[in-house]
């Protein structure tokens, strides 16, 4: 599970950069501290379902986008 959390962190970081947002901007929109948001990007903190849905809305991706990409990169 740890690898999935770290890969999700890298995924949201790339989406954030692609959109031109700072960590502080995303954290403000999520109503959390910048430090808490940074932990998601670093894969230190595992996001719950609501956090994934909120991030998807802010960063303009479908929650399934990450899992589809993850499956392609990590076939069984």
PDB file of N, CA and C in Angstrom:
ATOM      1  N   UNK A   1       0.818  -1.198   0.000  1.00  0.00           N
ATOM      2  CA  UNK A   1       0.000   0.000   0.000  1.00  0.00           C
ATOM      3  C   UNK A   1       0.864   1.266   0.000  1.00  0.00           C
ATOM      4  N   UNK A   2       2.027   1.175   0.644  1.00  0.00           N
ATOM      5  CA  UNK A   2       2.898   2.337   0.737  1.00  0.00           C
ATOM      6  C   UNK A   2       3.289   2.861  -0.649  1.00  0.00           C
ATOM      7  N   UNK A   3       3.577   1.957  -1.592  1.00  0.00           N
ATOM      8  CA  UNK A   3       3.946   2.367  -2.946  1.00  0.00           C
ATOM      9  C   UNK A   3       2.792   3.104  -3.622  1.00  0.00           C
ATOM     10  N   UNK A   4       1.584   2.644  -3.419  1.00  0.00           N
ATOM     11  CA  UNK A   4       0.415   3.305  -4.021  1.00  0.00           C
ATOM     12  C   UNK A   4       0.286   4.724  -3.474  1.00  0.00           C
ATOM     13  N   UNK A   5       0.470   4.881  -2.178  1.00  0.00           N
ATOM     14  CA  UNK A   5       0.348   6.208  -1.551  1.00  0.00           C
ATOM     15  C   UNK A   5       1.428   7.138  -2.091  1.00  0.00           C
ATOM     16  N   UNK A   6       2.659   6.644  -2.210  1.00  0.00           N
ATOM     17  CA  UNK A   6       3.745   7.474  -2.752  1.00  0.00           C
ATOM     18  C   UNK A   6       3.485   7.821  -4.220  1.00  0.00           C
ATOM     19  N   UNK A   7       3.002   6.857  -4.985  1.00  0.00           N
ATOM     20  CA  UNK A   7       2.701   7.120  -6.396  1.00  0.00           C
ATOM     21  C   UNK A   7       1.539   8.101  -6.545  1.00  0.00           C
ATOM     22  N   UNK A   8       0.547   8.006  -5.659  1.00  0.00           N
ATOM     23  CA  UNK A   8      -0.553   8.971  -5.701  1.00  0.00           C
ATOM     24  C   UNK A   8      -0.029  10.370  -5.388  1.00  0.00           C
ATOM     25  N   UNK A   9       0.886  10.461  -4.433  1.00  0.00           N
ATOM     26  CA  UNK A   9       1.494  11.752  -4.111  1.00  0.00           C
ATOM     27  C   UNK A   9       2.198  12.358  -5.309  1.00  0.00           C
ATOM     28  N   UNK A  10       2.959  11.538  -6.022  1.00  0.00           N
ATOM     29  CA  UNK A  10       3.651  12.024  -7.222  1.00  0.00           C
ATOM     30  C   UNK A  10       2.643  12.439  -8.290  1.00  0.00           C
ATOM     31  N   UNK A  11       1.548  11.691  -8.379  1.00  0.00           N
ATOM     32  CA  UNK A  11       0.496  11.992  -9.356  1.00  0.00           C
ATOM     33  C   UNK A  11      -0.131  13.353  -9.081  1.00  0.00           C
ATOM     34  N   UNK A  12      -0.520  13.607  -7.817  1.00  0.00           N
ATOM     35  CA  UNK A  12      -1.162  14.895  -7.524  1.00  0.00           C
ATOM     36  C   UNK A  12      -0.165  16.045  -7.633  1.00  0.00           C
ATOM     37  N   UNK A  13       1.099  15.768  -7.330  1.00  0.00           N
ATOM     38  CA  UNK A  13       2.113  16.815  -7.501  1.00  0.00           C
ATOM     39  C   UNK A  13       2.228  17.196  -8.973  1.00  0.00           C
ATOM     40  N   UNK A  14       2.267  16.202  -9.855  1.00  0.00           N
ATOM     41  CA  UNK A  14       2.384  16.504 -11.289  1.00  0.00           C
ATOM     42  C   UNK A  14       1.148  17.255 -11.783  1.00  0.00           C
ATOM     43  N   UNK A  15      -0.030  16.870 -11.294  1.00  0.00           N
ATOM     44  CA  UNK A  15      -1.265  17.575 -11.691  1.00  0.00           C
ATOM     45  C   UNK A  15      -1.246  19.006 -11.178  1.00  0.00           C
ATOM     46  N   UNK A  16      -0.787  19.205  -9.948  1.00  0.00           N
ATOM     47  CA  UNK A  16      -0.725  20.553  -9.373  1.00  0.00           C
ATOM     48  C   UNK A  16       0.210  21.437 -10.189  1.00  0.00           C
ATOM     49  N   UNK A  17       1.379  20.920 -10.511  1.00  0.00           N
ATOM     50  CA  UNK A  17       2.350  21.692 -11.295  1.00  0.00           C
ATOM     51  C   UNK A  17       1.809  21.974 -12.689  1.00  0.00           C
ATOM     52  N   UNK A  18       1.179  20.968 -13.292  1.00  0.00           N
ATOM     53  CA  UNK A  18       0.568  21.125 -14.620  1.00  0.00           C
ATOM     54  C   UNK A  18      -0.450  22.267 -14.625  1.00  0.00           C
ATOM     55  N   UNK A  19      -1.181  22.414 -13.530  1.00  0.00           N
ATOM     56  CA  UNK A  19      -2.205  23.462 -13.425  1.00  0.00           C
ATOM     57  C   UNK A  19      -1.622  24.807 -12.976  1.00  0.00           C
ATOM     58  N   UNK A  20      -0.359  24.801 -12.540  1.00  0.00           N
ATOM     59  CA  UNK A  20       0.282  26.045 -12.126  1.00  0.00           C
ATOM     60  C   UNK A  20      -0.081  26.497 -10.722  1.00  0.00           C
ATOM     61  N   UNK A  21      -0.503  25.565  -9.866  1.00  0.00           N
ATOM     62  CA  UNK A  21      -0.864  25.901  -8.490  1.00  0.00           C
ATOM     63  C   UNK A  21       0.308  25.670  -7.557  1.00  0.00           C
ATOM     64  N   UNK A  22       0.361  26.430  -6.490  1.00  0.00           N
ATOM     65  CA  UNK A  22       1.334  26.180  -5.434  1.00  0.00           C
ATOM     66  C   UNK A  22       0.706  25.227  -4.413  1.00  0.00           C
ATOM     67  N   UNK A  23       1.544  24.644  -3.590  1.00  0.00           N
ATOM     68  CA  UNK A  23       1.025  23.803  -2.514  1.00  0.00           C
ATOM     69  C   UNK A  23       0.112  24.614  -1.594  1.00  0.00           C
ATOM     70  N   UNK A  24       0.485  25.848  -1.346  1.00  0.00           N
ATOM     71  CA  UNK A  24      -0.303  26.717  -0.472  1.00  0.00           C
ATOM     72  C   UNK A  24      -1.694  26.961  -1.052  1.00  0.00           C
ATOM     73  N   UNK A  25      -1.785  27.175  -2.357  1.00  0.00           N
ATOM     74  CA  UNK A  25      -3.089  27.386  -2.986  1.00  0.00           C
ATOM     75  C   UNK A  25      -3.982  26.156  -2.851  1.00  0.00           C
ATOM     76  N   UNK A  26      -3.416  24.989  -3.090  1.00  0.00           N
ATOM     77  CA  UNK A  26      -4.200  23.759  -2.979  1.00  0.00           C
ATOM     78  C   UNK A  26      -4.628  23.552  -1.536  1.00  0.00           C
ATOM     79  N   UNK A  27      -3.716  23.720  -0.608  1.00  0.00           N
ATOM     80  CA  UNK A  27      -4.031  23.552   0.810  1.00  0.00           C
ATOM     81  C   UNK A  27      -5.155  24.495   1.241  1.00  0.00           C
ATOM     82  N   UNK A  28      -5.091  25.729   0.788  1.00  0.00           N
ATOM     83  CA  UNK A  28      -6.131  26.705   1.133  1.00  0.00           C
ATOM     84  C   UNK A  28      -7.480  26.240   0.622  1.00  0.00           C
ATOM     85  N   UNK A  29      -7.516  25.734  -0.613  1.00  0.00           N
ATOM     86  CA  UNK A  29      -8.790  25.266  -1.193  1.00  0.00           C
ATOM     87  C   UNK A  29      -9.308  24.017  -0.487  1.00  0.00           C
ATOM     88  N   UNK A  30      -8.405  23.229   0.083  1.00  0.00           N
ATOM     89  CA  UNK A  30      -8.801  22.033   0.827  1.00  0.00           C
ATOM     90  C   UNK A  30      -9.090  22.336   2.296  1.00  0.00           C
ATOM     91  N   UNK A  31      -8.771  23.564   2.707  1.00  0.00           N
ATOM     92  CA  UNK A  31      -8.949  24.000   4.092  1.00  0.00           C
ATOM     93  C   UNK A  31      -8.069  23.191   5.054  1.00  0.00           C
ATOM     94  N   UNK A  32      -6.818  22.960   4.619  1.00  0.00           N
ATOM     95  CA  UNK A  32      -5.819  22.293   5.445  1.00  0.00           C
ATOM     96  C   UNK A  32      -4.536  23.120   5.381  1.00  0.00           C
ATOM     97  N   UNK A  33      -3.576  22.799   6.227  1.00  0.00           N
ATOM     98  CA  UNK A  33      -2.303  23.521   6.192  1.00  0.00           C
ATOM     99  C   UNK A  33      -1.470  23.083   4.987  1.00  0.00           C
ATOM    100  N   UNK A  34      -0.528  23.930   4.619  1.00  0.00           N
ATOM    101  CA  UNK A  34       0.386  23.591   3.529  1.00  0.00           C
ATOM    102  C   UNK A  34       1.207  22.363   3.913  1.00  0.00           C
ATOM    103  N   UNK A  35       1.581  22.256   5.178  1.00  0.00           N
ATOM    104  CA  UNK A  35       2.359  21.115   5.647  1.00  0.00           C
ATOM    105  C   UNK A  35       1.561  19.815   5.502  1.00  0.00           C
ATOM    106  N   UNK A  36       0.268  19.859   5.822  1.00  0.00           N
ATOM    107  CA  UNK A  36      -0.579  18.666   5.680  1.00  0.00           C
ATOM    108  C   UNK A  36      -0.684  18.273   4.212  1.00  0.00           C
ATOM    109  N   UNK A  37      -0.863  19.263   3.340  1.00  0.00           N
ATOM    110  CA  UNK A  37      -0.938  18.949   1.912  1.00  0.00           C
ATOM    111  C   UNK A  37       0.381  18.359   1.418  1.00  0.00           C
ATOM    112  N   UNK A  38       1.488  18.917   1.860  1.00  0.00           N
ATOM    113  CA  UNK A  38       2.814  18.434   1.456  1.00  0.00           C
ATOM    114  C   UNK A  38       2.976  16.953   1.810  1.00  0.00           C
ATOM    115  N   UNK A  39       2.439  16.536   2.942  1.00  0.00           N
ATOM    116  CA  UNK A  39       2.530  15.123   3.346  1.00  0.00           C
ATOM    117  C   UNK A  39       1.805  14.209   2.363  1.00  0.00           C
ATOM    118  N   UNK A  40       0.715  14.690   1.768  1.00  0.00           N
ATOM    119  CA  UNK A  40       0.038  13.899   0.734  1.00  0.00           C
ATOM    120  C   UNK A  40       0.937  13.740  -0.489  1.00  0.00           C
ATOM    121  N   UNK A  41       1.556  14.835  -0.918  1.00  0.00           N
ATOM    122  CA  UNK A  41       2.431  14.776  -2.091  1.00  0.00           C
ATOM    123  C   UNK A  41       3.653  13.892  -1.853  1.00  0.00           C
ATOM    124  N   UNK A  42       4.160  13.904  -0.648  1.00  0.00           N
ATOM    125  CA  UNK A  42       5.336  13.096  -0.326  1.00  0.00           C
ATOM    126  C   UNK A  42       4.993  11.632  -0.075  1.00  0.00           C
ATOM    127  N   UNK A  43       3.705  11.331   0.011  1.00  0.00           N
ATOM    128  CA  UNK A  43       3.294   9.956   0.268  1.00  0.00           C
ATOM    129  C   UNK A  43       3.445   9.545   1.717  1.00  0.00           C
ATOM    130  N   UNK A  44       3.541  10.527   2.598  1.00  0.00           N
ATOM    131  CA  UNK A  44       3.667  10.265   4.027  1.00  0.00           C
ATOM    132  C   UNK A  44       2.289  10.037   4.647  1.00  0.00           C
ATOM    133  N   UNK A  45       1.306  10.716   4.090  1.00  0.00           N
ATOM    134  CA  UNK A  45      -0.057  10.637   4.607  1.00  0.00           C
ATOM    135  C   UNK A  45      -0.966  10.053   3.540  1.00  0.00           C
ATOM    136  N   UNK A  46      -1.771   9.087   3.931  1.00  0.00           N
ATOM    137  CA  UNK A  46      -2.696   8.430   3.005  1.00  0.00           C
ATOM    138  C   UNK A  46      -4.012   9.201   2.957  1.00  0.00           C
ATOM    139  N   UNK A  47      -4.437   9.645   1.769  1.00  0.00           N
ATOM    140  CA  UNK A  47      -5.689  10.397   1.683  1.00  0.00           C
ATOM    141  C   UNK A  47      -6.906   9.483   1.799  1.00  0.00           C
ATOM    142  N   UNK A  48      -7.923   9.977   2.456  1.00  0.00           N
ATOM    143  CA  UNK A  48      -9.189   9.267   2.501  1.00  0.00           C
ATOM    144  C   UNK A  48      -9.964   9.512   1.211  1.00  0.00           C
ATOM    145  N   UNK A  49     -11.080   8.840   1.081  1.00  0.00           N
ATOM    146  CA  UNK A  49     -11.881   8.958  -0.136  1.00  0.00           C
ATOM    147  C   UNK A  49     -12.317  10.393  -0.394  1.00  0.00           C
ATOM    148  N   UNK A  50     -12.786  11.093   0.630  1.00  0.00           N
ATOM    149  CA  UNK A  50     -13.247  12.469   0.422  1.00  0.00           C
ATOM    150  C   UNK A  50     -12.098  13.362  -0.042  1.00  0.00           C
ATOM    151  N   UNK A  51     -10.907  13.155   0.517  1.00  0.00           N
ATOM    152  CA  UNK A  51      -9.750  13.954   0.107  1.00  0.00           C
ATOM    153  C   UNK A  51      -9.415  13.671  -1.358  1.00  0.00           C
ATOM    154  N   UNK A  52      -9.477  12.410  -1.765  1.00  0.00           N
ATOM    155  CA  UNK A  52      -9.221  12.069  -3.171  1.00  0.00           C
ATOM    156  C   UNK A  52     -10.241  12.755  -4.070  1.00  0.00           C
ATOM    157  N   UNK A  53     -11.499  12.733  -3.677  1.00  0.00           N
ATOM    158  CA  UNK A  53     -12.554  13.384  -4.474  1.00  0.00           C
ATOM    159  C   UNK A  53     -12.340  14.892  -4.541  1.00  0.00           C
ATOM    160  N   UNK A  54     -11.960  15.501  -3.413  1.00  0.00           N
ATOM    161  CA  UNK A  54     -11.709  16.953  -3.390  1.00  0.00           C
ATOM    162  C   UNK A  54     -10.506  17.306  -4.267  1.00  0.00           C
ATOM    163  N   UNK A  55      -9.450  16.511  -4.175  1.00  0.00           N
ATOM    164  CA  UNK A  55      -8.270  16.762  -5.012  1.00  0.00           C
ATOM    165  C   UNK A  55      -8.608  16.603  -6.491  1.00  0.00           C
ATOM    166  N   UNK A  56      -9.394  15.594  -6.814  1.00  0.00           N
ATOM    167  CA  UNK A  56      -9.784  15.368  -8.208  1.00  0.00           C
ATOM    168  C   UNK A  56     -10.544  16.569  -8.758  1.00  0.00           C
ATOM    169  N   UNK A  57     -11.409  17.127  -7.941  1.00  0.00           N
ATOM    170  CA  UNK A  57     -12.189  18.289  -8.384  1.00  0.00           C
ATOM    171  C   UNK A  57     -11.290  19.509  -8.583  1.00  0.00           C
ATOM    172  N   UNK A  58     -10.418  19.763  -7.629  1.00  0.00           N
ATOM    173  CA  UNK A  58      -9.531  20.933  -7.699  1.00  0.00           C
ATOM    174  C   UNK A  58      -8.526  20.804  -8.844  1.00  0.00           C
ATOM    175  N   UNK A  59      -7.957  19.612  -8.995  1.00  0.00           N
ATOM    176  CA  UNK A  59      -6.897  19.406  -9.983  1.00  0.00           C
ATOM    177  C   UNK A  59      -7.419  18.890 -11.326  1.00  0.00           C
ATOM    178  N   UNK A  60      -8.731  18.762 -11.428  1.00  0.00           N
ATOM    179  CA  UNK A  60      -9.390  18.418 -12.691  1.00  0.00           C
ATOM    180  C   UNK A  60      -8.952  17.066 -13.252  1.00  0.00           C
ATOM    181  N   UNK A  61      -9.139  16.025 -12.441  1.00  0.00           N
ATOM    182  CA  UNK A  61      -8.933  14.667 -12.934  1.00  0.00           C
ATOM    183  C   UNK A  61     -10.030  13.778 -12.362  1.00  0.00           C
ATOM    184  N   UNK A  62     -10.260  12.662 -13.009  1.00  0.00           N
ATOM    185  CA  UNK A  62     -11.208  11.680 -12.492  1.00  0.00           C
ATOM    186  C   UNK A  62     -10.461  10.771 -11.526  1.00  0.00           C
ATOM    187  N   UNK A  63     -11.055  10.411 -10.387  1.00  0.00           N
ATOM    188  CA  UNK A  63     -10.354   9.538  -9.446  1.00  0.00           C
ATOM    189  C   UNK A  63      -9.827   8.268 -10.112  1.00  0.00           C
ATOM    190  N   UNK A  64     -10.528   7.740 -11.066  1.00  0.00           N
ATOM    191  CA  UNK A  64     -10.082   6.538 -11.760  1.00  0.00           C
ATOM    192  C   UNK A  64      -8.860   6.760 -12.633  1.00  0.00           C
ATOM    193  N   UNK A  65      -8.563   8.008 -13.004  1.00  0.00           N
ATOM    194  CA  UNK A  65      -7.394   8.294 -13.839  1.00  0.00           C
ATOM    195  C   UNK A  65      -6.114   7.781 -13.195  1.00  0.00           C
ATOM    196  N   UNK A  66      -5.959   8.030 -11.902  1.00  0.00           N
ATOM    197  CA  UNK A  66      -4.752   7.574 -11.211  1.00  0.00           C
ATOM    198  C   UNK A  66      -4.680   6.055 -11.220  1.00  0.00           C
ATOM    199  N   UNK A  67      -5.778   5.395 -10.891  1.00  0.00           N
ATOM    200  CA  UNK A  67      -5.763   3.948 -10.784  1.00  0.00           C
ATOM    201  C   UNK A  67      -5.548   3.279 -12.136  1.00  0.00           C
ATOM    202  N   UNK A  68      -6.083   3.867 -13.190  1.00  0.00           N
ATOM    203  CA  UNK A  68      -5.823   3.345 -14.538  1.00  0.00           C
ATOM    204  C   UNK A  68      -4.343   3.456 -14.878  1.00  0.00           C
ATOM    205  N   UNK A  69      -3.761   4.607 -14.602  1.00  0.00           N
ATOM    206  CA  UNK A  69      -2.344   4.825 -14.862  1.00  0.00           C
ATOM    207  C   UNK A  69      -1.505   3.873 -14.016  1.00  0.00           C
ATOM    208  N   UNK A  70      -1.873   3.719 -12.759  1.00  0.00           N
ATOM    209  CA  UNK A  70      -1.120   2.857 -11.845  1.00  0.00           C
ATOM    210  C   UNK A  70      -1.122   1.406 -12.334  1.00  0.00           C
ATOM    211  N   UNK A  71      -2.274   0.929 -12.785  1.00  0.00           N
ATOM    212  CA  UNK A  71      -2.369  -0.440 -13.289  1.00  0.00           C
ATOM    213  C   UNK A  71      -1.501  -0.648 -14.531  1.00  0.00           C
ATOM    214  N   UNK A  72      -1.472   0.356 -15.419  1.00  0.00           N
ATOM    215  CA  UNK A  72      -0.647   0.246 -16.620  1.00  0.00           C
ATOM    216  C   UNK A  72       0.844   0.192 -16.271  1.00  0.00           C
ATOM    217  N   UNK A  73       1.238   0.950 -15.265  1.00  0.00           N
ATOM    218  CA  UNK A  73       2.657   1.019 -14.889  1.00  0.00           C
ATOM    219  C   UNK A  73       3.074  -0.154 -13.999  1.00  0.00           C
ATOM    220  N   UNK A  74       2.106  -0.821 -13.378  1.00  0.00           N
ATOM    221  CA  UNK A  74       2.406  -1.906 -12.435  1.00  0.00           C
ATOM    222  C   UNK A  74       1.579  -3.135 -12.745  1.00  0.00           C
ATOM    223  N   UNK A  75       1.768  -3.713 -13.947  1.00  0.00           N
ATOM    224  CA  UNK A  75       0.978  -4.903 -14.283  1.00  0.00           C
ATOM    225  C   UNK A  75       1.351  -6.086 -13.399  1.00  0.00           C
ATOM    226  N   UNK A  76       0.405  -6.966 -13.208  1.00  0.00           N
ATOM    227  CA  UNK A  76       0.673  -8.148 -12.356  1.00  0.00           C
ATOM    228  C   UNK A  76       1.366  -9.223 -13.124  1.00  0.00           C
TER     229      UNK A  76
END
